[in-house]
């Protein structure tokens, strides 16, 4: 018989747990046992959680990504030998609505995460290294500081009051010094970790990708090197998505993906279109074919992320002539 293999009639069904995480506690639901409980989101609560999950022979734990609050639980369960799948909160909410569940509480969310594990079997998410977590925090803070600097510059251009202009200039100087310190610490963290340093060096070897873009790719697309070209494009939201229905063939457009990575690739693509010989020729061919400027830029962005993923996978630096 082809297709899905039927389970044995007396086989024990796999046990899944869903965990809704917040700062203070974790709500947990175990399926098909139907048991639910709450533990504190601290070392004592995690010890109790591991004991309870072990007694119930849980196969996989599904939890939502909740800023930094899920990290300790994910790492602790992973170290205890439990597979943990961290899913996008939007994906979890859409699954709940597809199940007809409109109400939202921590307990309901935990139950639906367990059912999501049964239905979709999301892949295990291996915790990031401590060095990567530290780097992620710094990149997040740098992004916020950079956005604040841009907002202050824009506001400064509209002000007439000498007092307010002096105040904003003082704040701008403080933010500039703050950004320099963040970049220094970022470079220190990367150089202290041989694996991160190697990946970063490979990325900056690509014409058009500078140190800041390389760091953003390291943090925002940590899966680089394990993906194929289509997966790399989809994760960054740079793959055209089909929009067909019956005989109608809709216009393909990019959709979804990781916005932070796509933003840094946008600036990198502007540079690569001029200074990367191969990508400049690629952009010229598209331009001569009558493609719109934004379509060309997105295509260059996609080329860049596919190239970066391939070089990381092959553990080699960029060169004008591929080996």
C-alpha atoms as a PDB file:
ATOM      1  CA  UNK A   1       0.000   0.000   0.000  1.00  0.00           C
ATOM      2  CA  UNK A   2       1.357   3.396  -1.008  1.00  0.00           C
ATOM      3  CA  UNK A   3       0.942   6.607   0.959  1.00  0.00           C
ATOM      4  CA  UNK A   4       0.788   7.070   4.703  1.00  0.00           C
ATOM      5  CA  UNK A   5       1.584   3.995   6.766  1.00  0.00           C
ATOM      6  CA  UNK A   6      -1.272   3.102   9.082  1.00  0.00           C
ATOM      7  CA  UNK A   7      -0.405   2.825  12.744  1.00  0.00           C
ATOM      8  CA  UNK A   8      -0.887  -0.450  14.579  1.00  0.00           C
ATOM      9  CA  UNK A   9      -4.339  -0.784  16.165  1.00  0.00           C
ATOM     10  CA  UNK A  10      -2.893  -1.097  19.664  1.00  0.00           C
ATOM     11  CA  UNK A  11      -0.061   1.397  19.196  1.00  0.00           C
ATOM     12  CA  UNK A  12       0.219   4.093  21.851  1.00  0.00           C
ATOM     13  CA  UNK A  13      -0.552   7.519  20.328  1.00  0.00           C
ATOM     14  CA  UNK A  14       2.280  10.045  20.556  1.00  0.00           C
ATOM     15  CA  UNK A  15       1.995  12.535  23.403  1.00  0.00           C
ATOM     16  CA  UNK A  16       2.329  16.246  22.651  1.00  0.00           C
ATOM     17  CA  UNK A  17       2.447  19.183  25.030  1.00  0.00           C
ATOM     18  CA  UNK A  18       1.551  22.781  24.281  1.00  0.00           C
ATOM     19  CA  UNK A  19       3.035  25.542  26.415  1.00  0.00           C
ATOM     20  CA  UNK A  20       1.896  29.152  26.494  1.00  0.00           C
ATOM     21  CA  UNK A  21       4.719  31.207  27.997  1.00  0.00           C
ATOM     22  CA  UNK A  22       4.672  34.576  29.724  1.00  0.00           C
ATOM     23  CA  UNK A  23       7.070  36.352  32.057  1.00  0.00           C
ATOM     24  CA  UNK A  24       5.705  34.821  35.270  1.00  0.00           C
ATOM     25  CA  UNK A  25       4.522  31.332  34.330  1.00  0.00           C
ATOM     26  CA  UNK A  26       3.964  28.628  31.728  1.00  0.00           C
ATOM     27  CA  UNK A  27       0.526  27.156  31.043  1.00  0.00           C
ATOM     28  CA  UNK A  28       0.877  23.584  29.775  1.00  0.00           C
ATOM     29  CA  UNK A  29      -1.614  21.193  28.184  1.00  0.00           C
ATOM     30  CA  UNK A  30      -0.769  17.562  27.403  1.00  0.00           C
ATOM     31  CA  UNK A  31      -2.587  15.736  24.603  1.00  0.00           C
ATOM     32  CA  UNK A  32      -4.132  13.135  24.497  1.00  0.00           C
ATOM     33  CA  UNK A  33      -3.892  12.820  28.281  1.00  0.00           C
ATOM     34  CA  UNK A  34      -6.044  15.941  28.637  1.00  0.00           C
ATOM     35  CA  UNK A  35      -3.988  17.215  31.566  1.00  0.00           C
ATOM     36  CA  UNK A  36      -3.289  20.894  32.090  1.00  0.00           C
ATOM     37  CA  UNK A  37      -1.220  22.672  34.712  1.00  0.00           C
ATOM     38  CA  UNK A  38       0.682  25.878  35.385  1.00  0.00           C
ATOM     39  CA  UNK A  39       4.288  26.226  36.561  1.00  0.00           C
ATOM     40  CA  UNK A  40       6.398  29.248  37.404  1.00  0.00           C
ATOM     41  CA  UNK A  41       8.748  30.501  34.721  1.00  0.00           C
ATOM     42  CA  UNK A  42      11.822  30.070  36.910  1.00  0.00           C
ATOM     43  CA  UNK A  43      14.327  27.336  37.727  1.00  0.00           C
ATOM     44  CA  UNK A  44      12.042  25.646  40.263  1.00  0.00           C
ATOM     45  CA  UNK A  45       9.053  25.729  37.925  1.00  0.00           C
ATOM     46  CA  UNK A  46      11.105  24.328  35.051  1.00  0.00           C
ATOM     47  CA  UNK A  47      12.316  21.436  37.217  1.00  0.00           C
ATOM     48  CA  UNK A  48       8.700  20.611  38.047  1.00  0.00           C
ATOM     49  CA  UNK A  49       7.741  20.924  34.378  1.00  0.00           C
ATOM     50  CA  UNK A  50      10.424  18.470  33.273  1.00  0.00           C
ATOM     51  CA  UNK A  51       9.345  15.982  35.923  1.00  0.00           C
ATOM     52  CA  UNK A  52       5.685  16.161  34.888  1.00  0.00           C
ATOM     53  CA  UNK A  53       6.452  15.897  31.185  1.00  0.00           C
ATOM     54  CA  UNK A  54       8.710  12.913  31.851  1.00  0.00           C
ATOM     55  CA  UNK A  55       5.965  11.136  33.792  1.00  0.00           C
ATOM     56  CA  UNK A  56       3.546  11.679  30.891  1.00  0.00           C
ATOM     57  CA  UNK A  57       6.066  10.472  28.260  1.00  0.00           C
ATOM     58  CA  UNK A  58       5.720  13.643  26.177  1.00  0.00           C
ATOM     59  CA  UNK A  59       7.190  13.325  22.676  1.00  0.00           C
ATOM     60  CA  UNK A  60       7.366  17.002  21.724  1.00  0.00           C
ATOM     61  CA  UNK A  61       6.628  20.385  23.278  1.00  0.00           C
ATOM     62  CA  UNK A  62       5.194  23.187  21.142  1.00  0.00           C
ATOM     63  CA  UNK A  63       5.507  26.768  22.372  1.00  0.00           C
ATOM     64  CA  UNK A  64       5.140  30.224  20.891  1.00  0.00           C
ATOM     65  CA  UNK A  65       8.057  32.588  20.446  1.00  0.00           C
ATOM     66  CA  UNK A  66       7.515  35.259  23.117  1.00  0.00           C
ATOM     67  CA  UNK A  67      10.422  37.668  22.959  1.00  0.00           C
ATOM     68  CA  UNK A  68      12.968  36.342  25.472  1.00  0.00           C
ATOM     69  CA  UNK A  69      10.531  34.717  27.936  1.00  0.00           C
ATOM     70  CA  UNK A  70      10.456  31.312  26.227  1.00  0.00           C
ATOM     71  CA  UNK A  71      14.245  30.971  25.928  1.00  0.00           C
ATOM     72  CA  UNK A  72      14.999  29.582  29.392  1.00  0.00           C
ATOM     73  CA  UNK A  73      12.221  26.981  29.106  1.00  0.00           C
ATOM     74  CA  UNK A  74      13.290  26.008  25.588  1.00  0.00           C
ATOM     75  CA  UNK A  75      16.928  25.580  26.603  1.00  0.00           C
ATOM     76  CA  UNK A  76      16.098  23.678  29.796  1.00  0.00           C
ATOM     77  CA  UNK A  77      13.744  21.238  28.047  1.00  0.00           C
ATOM     78  CA  UNK A  78      16.211  20.746  25.181  1.00  0.00           C
ATOM     79  CA  UNK A  79      19.020  19.935  27.599  1.00  0.00           C
ATOM     80  CA  UNK A  80      16.696  17.414  29.294  1.00  0.00           C
ATOM     81  CA  UNK A  81      16.320  15.568  25.976  1.00  0.00           C
ATOM     82  CA  UNK A  82      12.874  16.869  25.022  1.00  0.00           C
ATOM     83  CA  UNK A  83      12.201  18.085  21.480  1.00  0.00           C
ATOM     84  CA  UNK A  84      10.878  21.656  21.523  1.00  0.00           C
ATOM     85  CA  UNK A  85       9.248  23.354  18.533  1.00  0.00           C
ATOM     86  CA  UNK A  86       9.046  27.151  18.775  1.00  0.00           C
ATOM     87  CA  UNK A  87       6.363  28.466  16.414  1.00  0.00           C
ATOM     88  CA  UNK A  88       5.427  31.890  15.115  1.00  0.00           C
ATOM     89  CA  UNK A  89       2.627  33.418  17.293  1.00  0.00           C
ATOM     90  CA  UNK A  90       0.718  34.487  14.167  1.00  0.00           C
ATOM     91  CA  UNK A  91       0.840  30.961  12.785  1.00  0.00           C
ATOM     92  CA  UNK A  92      -0.460  29.623  16.106  1.00  0.00           C
ATOM     93  CA  UNK A  93      -3.310  32.167  16.117  1.00  0.00           C
ATOM     94  CA  UNK A  94      -4.299  31.327  12.549  1.00  0.00           C
ATOM     95  CA  UNK A  95      -4.327  27.632  13.459  1.00  0.00           C
ATOM     96  CA  UNK A  96      -6.647  28.406  16.395  1.00  0.00           C
ATOM     97  CA  UNK A  97      -9.030  30.322  14.133  1.00  0.00           C
ATOM     98  CA  UNK A  98      -8.934  27.491  11.587  1.00  0.00           C
ATOM     99  CA  UNK A  99     -10.067  25.211  14.425  1.00  0.00           C
ATOM    100  CA  UNK A 100     -12.983  27.558  15.087  1.00  0.00           C
ATOM    101  CA  UNK A 101     -11.528  28.770  18.385  1.00  0.00           C
ATOM    102  CA  UNK A 102     -12.014  32.531  18.685  1.00  0.00           C
ATOM    103  CA  UNK A 103     -11.615  32.853  22.450  1.00  0.00           C
ATOM    104  CA  UNK A 104      -8.082  33.392  23.689  1.00  0.00           C
ATOM    105  CA  UNK A 105      -6.749  32.563  27.141  1.00  0.00           C
ATOM    106  CA  UNK A 106      -3.418  31.125  28.256  1.00  0.00           C
ATOM    107  CA  UNK A 107      -5.011  27.741  28.942  1.00  0.00           C
ATOM    108  CA  UNK A 108      -6.815  27.667  25.573  1.00  0.00           C
ATOM    109  CA  UNK A 109      -3.618  28.666  23.772  1.00  0.00           C
ATOM    110  CA  UNK A 110      -1.678  25.861  25.470  1.00  0.00           C
ATOM    111  CA  UNK A 111      -4.287  23.292  24.377  1.00  0.00           C
ATOM    112  CA  UNK A 112      -4.292  24.539  20.786  1.00  0.00           C
ATOM    113  CA  UNK A 113      -0.498  24.471  20.651  1.00  0.00           C
ATOM    114  CA  UNK A 114      -0.594  20.798  21.646  1.00  0.00           C
ATOM    115  CA  UNK A 115      -3.187  20.117  18.918  1.00  0.00           C
ATOM    116  CA  UNK A 116      -1.032  22.050  16.465  1.00  0.00           C
ATOM    117  CA  UNK A 117       1.819  19.699  17.284  1.00  0.00           C
ATOM    118  CA  UNK A 118      -0.381  16.690  16.519  1.00  0.00           C
ATOM    119  CA  UNK A 119      -1.749  18.130  13.270  1.00  0.00           C
ATOM    120  CA  UNK A 120       1.334  19.816  11.792  1.00  0.00           C
ATOM    121  CA  UNK A 121       4.272  18.194  13.596  1.00  0.00           C
ATOM    122  CA  UNK A 122       6.408  21.364  13.539  1.00  0.00           C
ATOM    123  CA  UNK A 123      10.141  20.747  13.382  1.00  0.00           C
ATOM    124  CA  UNK A 124      12.289  20.916  16.480  1.00  0.00           C
ATOM    125  CA  UNK A 125      13.881  24.290  17.146  1.00  0.00           C
ATOM    126  CA  UNK A 126      17.375  23.973  18.559  1.00  0.00           C
ATOM    127  CA  UNK A 127      18.179  26.784  21.040  1.00  0.00           C
ATOM    128  CA  UNK A 128      20.596  29.433  19.872  1.00  0.00           C
ATOM    129  CA  UNK A 129      24.046  29.461  21.422  1.00  0.00           C
ATOM    130  CA  UNK A 130      24.659  31.856  24.301  1.00  0.00           C
ATOM    131  CA  UNK A 131      26.911  33.924  22.023  1.00  0.00           C
ATOM    132  CA  UNK A 132      24.136  34.142  19.417  1.00  0.00           C
ATOM    133  CA  UNK A 133      21.567  35.165  22.049  1.00  0.00           C
ATOM    134  CA  UNK A 134      23.859  37.960  23.242  1.00  0.00           C
ATOM    135  CA  UNK A 135      24.372  39.055  19.640  1.00  0.00           C
ATOM    136  CA  UNK A 136      20.617  39.009  18.983  1.00  0.00           C
ATOM    137  CA  UNK A 137      20.004  41.311  21.951  1.00  0.00           C
ATOM    138  CA  UNK A 138      22.656  43.791  20.824  1.00  0.00           C
ATOM    139  CA  UNK A 139      21.375  43.822  17.228  1.00  0.00           C
ATOM    140  CA  UNK A 140      17.849  44.468  18.523  1.00  0.00           C
ATOM    141  CA  UNK A 141      19.021  47.372  20.679  1.00  0.00           C
ATOM    142  CA  UNK A 142      21.080  48.757  17.802  1.00  0.00           C
ATOM    143  CA  UNK A 143      18.059  48.653  15.523  1.00  0.00           C
ATOM    144  CA  UNK A 144      15.996  50.606  18.057  1.00  0.00           C
ATOM    145  CA  UNK A 145      18.785  53.165  18.532  1.00  0.00           C
ATOM    146  CA  UNK A 146      19.194  53.575  14.772  1.00  0.00           C
ATOM    147  CA  UNK A 147      15.443  54.140  14.369  1.00  0.00           C
ATOM    148  CA  UNK A 148      15.522  56.733  17.146  1.00  0.00           C
ATOM    149  CA  UNK A 149      18.421  58.517  15.442  1.00  0.00           C
ATOM    150  CA  UNK A 150      16.490  58.667  12.160  1.00  0.00           C
ATOM    151  CA  UNK A 151      13.397  60.019  13.941  1.00  0.00           C
ATOM    152  CA  UNK A 152      15.457  62.727  15.669  1.00  0.00           C
ATOM    153  CA  UNK A 153      17.111  63.769  12.398  1.00  0.00           C
ATOM    154  CA  UNK A 154      13.710  64.054  10.726  1.00  0.00           C
ATOM    155  CA  UNK A 155      12.302  66.053  13.640  1.00  0.00           C
ATOM    156  CA  UNK A 156      15.338  68.328  13.730  1.00  0.00           C
ATOM    157  CA  UNK A 157      14.716  69.297  10.108  1.00  0.00           C
ATOM    158  CA  UNK A 158      11.281  70.724  11.030  1.00  0.00           C
ATOM    159  CA  UNK A 159      12.153  72.633  14.234  1.00  0.00           C
ATOM    160  CA  UNK A 160      12.757  76.381  14.417  1.00  0.00           C
ATOM    161  CA  UNK A 161      13.308  76.842  18.161  1.00  0.00           C
ATOM    162  CA  UNK A 162      17.033  77.264  18.935  1.00  0.00           C
ATOM    163  CA  UNK A 163      16.520  75.642  22.340  1.00  0.00           C
ATOM    164  CA  UNK A 164      14.840  72.522  20.918  1.00  0.00           C
ATOM    165  CA  UNK A 165      17.379  72.227  18.134  1.00  0.00           C
ATOM    166  CA  UNK A 166      20.209  72.319  20.687  1.00  0.00           C
ATOM    167  CA  UNK A 167      18.453  69.675  22.818  1.00  0.00           C
ATOM    168  CA  UNK A 168      17.925  67.330  19.867  1.00  0.00           C
ATOM    169  CA  UNK A 169      21.509  67.769  18.686  1.00  0.00           C
ATOM    170  CA  UNK A 170      22.687  66.840  22.186  1.00  0.00           C
ATOM    171  CA  UNK A 171      20.544  63.681  22.112  1.00  0.00           C
ATOM    172  CA  UNK A 172      21.829  62.835  18.632  1.00  0.00           C
ATOM    173  CA  UNK A 173      25.424  63.014  19.829  1.00  0.00           C
ATOM    174  CA  UNK A 174      24.567  60.689  22.731  1.00  0.00           C
ATOM    175  CA  UNK A 175      22.913  58.179  20.373  1.00  0.00           C
ATOM    176  CA  UNK A 176      25.869  58.312  17.991  1.00  0.00           C
ATOM    177  CA  UNK A 177      28.259  57.448  20.843  1.00  0.00           C
ATOM    178  CA  UNK A 178      25.849  54.717  21.974  1.00  0.00           C
ATOM    179  CA  UNK A 179      25.842  53.215  18.467  1.00  0.00           C
ATOM    180  CA  UNK A 180      29.644  53.229  18.322  1.00  0.00           C
ATOM    181  CA  UNK A 181      29.808  51.324  21.630  1.00  0.00           C
ATOM    182  CA  UNK A 182      27.227  48.816  20.386  1.00  0.00           C
ATOM    183  CA  UNK A 183      29.169  48.207  17.179  1.00  0.00           C
ATOM    184  CA  UNK A 184      32.387  47.728  19.165  1.00  0.00           C
ATOM    185  CA  UNK A 185      30.705  45.169  21.418  1.00  0.00           C
ATOM    186  CA  UNK A 186      29.166  43.442  18.389  1.00  0.00           C
ATOM    187  CA  UNK A 187      32.592  43.058  16.797  1.00  0.00           C
ATOM    188  CA  UNK A 188      34.000  41.722  20.079  1.00  0.00           C
ATOM    189  CA  UNK A 189      31.258  39.095  20.426  1.00  0.00           C
ATOM    190  CA  UNK A 190      31.702  37.911  16.842  1.00  0.00           C
ATOM    191  CA  UNK A 191      35.486  37.702  17.052  1.00  0.00           C
ATOM    192  CA  UNK A 192      35.256  35.780  20.350  1.00  0.00           C
ATOM    193  CA  UNK A 193      33.250  32.969  18.722  1.00  0.00           C
ATOM    194  CA  UNK A 194      35.195  31.134  15.951  1.00  0.00           C
ATOM    195  CA  UNK A 195      32.053  29.843  14.217  1.00  0.00           C
ATOM    196  CA  UNK A 196      30.394  33.270  14.128  1.00  0.00           C
ATOM    197  CA  UNK A 197      33.653  34.924  13.065  1.00  0.00           C
ATOM    198  CA  UNK A 198      34.024  32.514  10.143  1.00  0.00           C
ATOM    199  CA  UNK A 199      30.439  33.010   8.932  1.00  0.00           C
ATOM    200  CA  UNK A 200      30.756  36.787   9.294  1.00  0.00           C
ATOM    201  CA  UNK A 201      34.000  36.807   7.286  1.00  0.00           C
ATOM    202  CA  UNK A 202      32.350  34.787   4.507  1.00  0.00           C
ATOM    203  CA  UNK A 203      29.434  37.210   4.330  1.00  0.00           C
ATOM    204  CA  UNK A 204      31.544  40.391   4.183  1.00  0.00           C
ATOM    205  CA  UNK A 205      33.580  38.846   1.365  1.00  0.00           C
ATOM    206  CA  UNK A 206      30.524  39.287  -0.894  1.00  0.00           C
ATOM    207  CA  UNK A 207      30.651  42.685  -2.671  1.00  0.00           C
ATOM    208  CA  UNK A 208      27.676  44.701  -1.473  1.00  0.00           C
ATOM    209  CA  UNK A 209      27.456  43.143   2.011  1.00  0.00           C
ATOM    210  CA  UNK A 210      29.096  45.201   4.730  1.00  0.00           C
ATOM    211  CA  UNK A 211      29.700  44.412   8.428  1.00  0.00           C
ATOM    212  CA  UNK A 212      26.283  45.652   9.615  1.00  0.00           C
ATOM    213  CA  UNK A 213      24.403  43.720   6.925  1.00  0.00           C
ATOM    214  CA  UNK A 214      26.496  40.621   7.646  1.00  0.00           C
ATOM    215  CA  UNK A 215      25.679  40.830  11.361  1.00  0.00           C
ATOM    216  CA  UNK A 216      21.973  41.279  10.630  1.00  0.00           C
ATOM    217  CA  UNK A 217      22.058  38.184   8.397  1.00  0.00           C
ATOM    218  CA  UNK A 218      23.871  36.179  11.071  1.00  0.00           C
ATOM    219  CA  UNK A 219      21.197  37.036  13.630  1.00  0.00           C
ATOM    220  CA  UNK A 220      18.086  37.187  11.461  1.00  0.00           C
ATOM    221  CA  UNK A 221      18.825  34.162   9.278  1.00  0.00           C
ATOM    222  CA  UNK A 222      20.716  31.829  11.590  1.00  0.00           C
ATOM    223  CA  UNK A 223      19.604  28.865   9.441  1.00  0.00           C
ATOM    224  CA  UNK A 224      21.943  29.925   6.618  1.00  0.00           C
ATOM    225  CA  UNK A 225      23.923  26.994   5.333  1.00  0.00           C
ATOM    226  CA  UNK A 226      21.186  24.460   6.065  1.00  0.00           C
ATOM    227  CA  UNK A 227      18.660  25.791   3.527  1.00  0.00           C
ATOM    228  CA  UNK A 228      18.179  25.320  -0.180  1.00  0.00           C
ATOM    229  CA  UNK A 229      17.776  28.323  -2.468  1.00  0.00           C
ATOM    230  CA  UNK A 230      13.964  28.340  -2.359  1.00  0.00           C
ATOM    231  CA  UNK A 231      13.877  28.076   1.426  1.00  0.00           C
ATOM    232  CA  UNK A 232      16.334  30.965   1.811  1.00  0.00           C
ATOM    233  CA  UNK A 233      14.209  33.128  -0.494  1.00  0.00           C
ATOM    234  CA  UNK A 234      10.954  32.197   1.287  1.00  0.00           C
ATOM    235  CA  UNK A 235      12.299  32.844   4.781  1.00  0.00           C
ATOM    236  CA  UNK A 236      13.345  36.344   3.778  1.00  0.00           C
ATOM    237  CA  UNK A 237      10.083  37.003   1.914  1.00  0.00           C
ATOM    238  CA  UNK A 238      11.833  37.356  -1.450  1.00  0.00           C
ATOM    239  CA  UNK A 239      10.227  34.463  -3.341  1.00  0.00           C
ATOM    240  CA  UNK A 240       7.343  35.342  -5.691  1.00  0.00           C
ATOM    241  CA  UNK A 241       4.171  33.694  -4.377  1.00  0.00           C
ATOM    242  CA  UNK A 242       1.630  32.241  -6.818  1.00  0.00           C
ATOM    243  CA  UNK A 243      -1.853  33.790  -6.826  1.00  0.00           C
ATOM    244  CA  UNK A 244      -3.838  31.651  -9.261  1.00  0.00           C
ATOM    245  CA  UNK A 245      -7.471  30.574  -9.247  1.00  0.00           C
ATOM    246  CA  UNK A 246      -9.041  28.414 -11.955  1.00  0.00           C
ATOM    247  CA  UNK A 247      -8.042  29.715 -15.379  1.00  0.00           C
ATOM    248  CA  UNK A 248      -6.813  33.029 -13.954  1.00  0.00           C
ATOM    249  CA  UNK A 249      -3.111  33.435 -13.400  1.00  0.00           C
ATOM    250  CA  UNK A 250      -2.579  36.233 -10.932  1.00  0.00           C
ATOM    251  CA  UNK A 251       0.461  38.421 -10.639  1.00  0.00           C
ATOM    252  CA  UNK A 252       3.295  36.899  -8.590  1.00  0.00           C
ATOM    253  CA  UNK A 253       4.441  39.028  -5.680  1.00  0.00           C
ATOM    254  CA  UNK A 254       6.669  38.634  -2.657  1.00  0.00           C
ATOM    255  CA  UNK A 255       4.922  38.150   0.668  1.00  0.00           C
ATOM    256  CA  UNK A 256       5.700  37.479   4.328  1.00  0.00           C
ATOM    257  CA  UNK A 257       9.167  36.519   5.482  1.00  0.00           C
ATOM    258  CA  UNK A 258      11.498  38.209   7.930  1.00  0.00           C
ATOM    259  CA  UNK A 259      11.171  41.941   7.514  1.00  0.00           C
ATOM    260  CA  UNK A 260      14.332  42.873   9.431  1.00  0.00           C
ATOM    261  CA  UNK A 261      16.495  40.736   7.141  1.00  0.00           C
ATOM    262  CA  UNK A 262      14.730  42.025   4.045  1.00  0.00           C
ATOM    263  CA  UNK A 263      15.344  45.634   5.119  1.00  0.00           C
ATOM    264  CA  UNK A 264      19.121  45.207   5.372  1.00  0.00           C
ATOM    265  CA  UNK A 265      19.196  43.261   2.099  1.00  0.00           C
ATOM    266  CA  UNK A 266      17.485  46.210   0.400  1.00  0.00           C
ATOM    267  CA  UNK A 267      20.420  48.501   1.175  1.00  0.00           C
ATOM    268  CA  UNK A 268      22.910  45.767   0.294  1.00  0.00           C
ATOM    269  CA  UNK A 269      21.207  45.249  -3.065  1.00  0.00           C
ATOM    270  CA  UNK A 270      21.521  48.957  -3.890  1.00  0.00           C
ATOM    271  CA  UNK A 271      25.270  48.703  -3.364  1.00  0.00           C
ATOM    272  CA  UNK A 272      25.648  45.313  -5.079  1.00  0.00           C
ATOM    273  CA  UNK A 273      23.791  46.553  -8.169  1.00  0.00           C
ATOM    274  CA  UNK A 274      26.651  48.986  -8.693  1.00  0.00           C
ATOM    275  CA  UNK A 275      29.772  47.393  -7.255  1.00  0.00           C
ATOM    276  CA  UNK A 276      29.242  43.632  -7.596  1.00  0.00           C
ATOM    277  CA  UNK A 277      30.219  42.926 -11.208  1.00  0.00           C
ATOM    278  CA  UNK A 278      28.038  39.826 -11.608  1.00  0.00           C
ATOM    279  CA  UNK A 279      24.972  41.330  -9.923  1.00  0.00           C
ATOM    280  CA  UNK A 280      25.396  44.617 -11.810  1.00  0.00           C
ATOM    281  CA  UNK A 281      25.333  42.640 -15.084  1.00  0.00           C
ATOM    282  CA  UNK A 282      22.310  40.683 -13.840  1.00  0.00           C
ATOM    283  CA  UNK A 283      20.478  43.923 -13.007  1.00  0.00           C
ATOM    284  CA  UNK A 284      21.374  45.365 -16.426  1.00  0.00           C
ATOM    285  CA  UNK A 285      19.899  42.326 -18.204  1.00  0.00           C
ATOM    286  CA  UNK A 286      16.642  42.724 -16.278  1.00  0.00           C
ATOM    287  CA  UNK A 287      16.596  46.451 -17.011  1.00  0.00           C
ATOM    288  CA  UNK A 288      17.096  45.831 -20.729  1.00  0.00           C
ATOM    289  CA  UNK A 289      14.228  43.314 -20.587  1.00  0.00           C
ATOM    290  CA  UNK A 290      11.936  46.109 -19.404  1.00  0.00           C
ATOM    291  CA  UNK A 291      11.599  45.061 -15.765  1.00  0.00           C
ATOM    292  CA  UNK A 292      10.545  47.683 -13.227  1.00  0.00           C
ATOM    293  CA  UNK A 293      13.195  49.120 -10.903  1.00  0.00           C
ATOM    294  CA  UNK A 294      11.694  47.533  -7.767  1.00  0.00           C
ATOM    295  CA  UNK A 295      11.409  44.157  -9.470  1.00  0.00           C
ATOM    296  CA  UNK A 296      15.091  44.356 -10.367  1.00  0.00           C
ATOM    297  CA  UNK A 297      16.043  45.307  -6.810  1.00  0.00           C
ATOM    298  CA  UNK A 298      14.055  42.417  -5.315  1.00  0.00           C
ATOM    299  CA  UNK A 299      15.696  40.023  -7.765  1.00  0.00           C
ATOM    300  CA  UNK A 300      19.149  41.260  -6.700  1.00  0.00           C
ATOM    301  CA  UNK A 301      18.160  40.882  -3.028  1.00  0.00           C
ATOM    302  CA  UNK A 302      17.125  37.304  -3.717  1.00  0.00           C
ATOM    303  CA  UNK A 303      20.401  36.613  -5.526  1.00  0.00           C
ATOM    304  CA  UNK A 304      22.328  37.981  -2.552  1.00  0.00           C
ATOM    305  CA  UNK A 305      20.616  35.847   0.076  1.00  0.00           C
ATOM    306  CA  UNK A 306      20.840  32.703  -2.089  1.00  0.00           C
ATOM    307  CA  UNK A 307      24.540  33.391  -2.676  1.00  0.00           C
ATOM    308  CA  UNK A 308      25.181  34.003   1.035  1.00  0.00           C
ATOM    309  CA  UNK A 309      23.396  30.776   1.952  1.00  0.00           C
ATOM    310  CA  UNK A 310      25.395  28.784  -0.616  1.00  0.00           C
ATOM    311  CA  UNK A 311      28.746  30.198   0.513  1.00  0.00           C
ATOM    312  CA  UNK A 312      27.980  29.455   4.173  1.00  0.00           C
ATOM    313  CA  UNK A 313      26.964  25.909   3.223  1.00  0.00           C
ATOM    314  CA  UNK A 314      30.204  25.424   1.269  1.00  0.00           C
ATOM    315  CA  UNK A 315      32.279  27.217   3.937  1.00  0.00           C
ATOM    316  CA  UNK A 316      34.140  29.320   1.387  1.00  0.00           C
ATOM    317  CA  UNK A 317      34.682  32.978   0.583  1.00  0.00           C
ATOM    318  CA  UNK A 318      33.190  34.754  -2.412  1.00  0.00           C
ATOM    319  CA  UNK A 319      35.358  34.868  -5.519  1.00  0.00           C
ATOM    320  CA  UNK A 320      34.725  36.323  -8.994  1.00  0.00           C
ATOM    321  CA  UNK A 321      35.029  32.853 -10.485  1.00  0.00           C
ATOM    322  CA  UNK A 322      33.254  30.055  -8.643  1.00  0.00           C
ATOM    323  CA  UNK A 323      35.389  26.949  -8.080  1.00  0.00           C
END
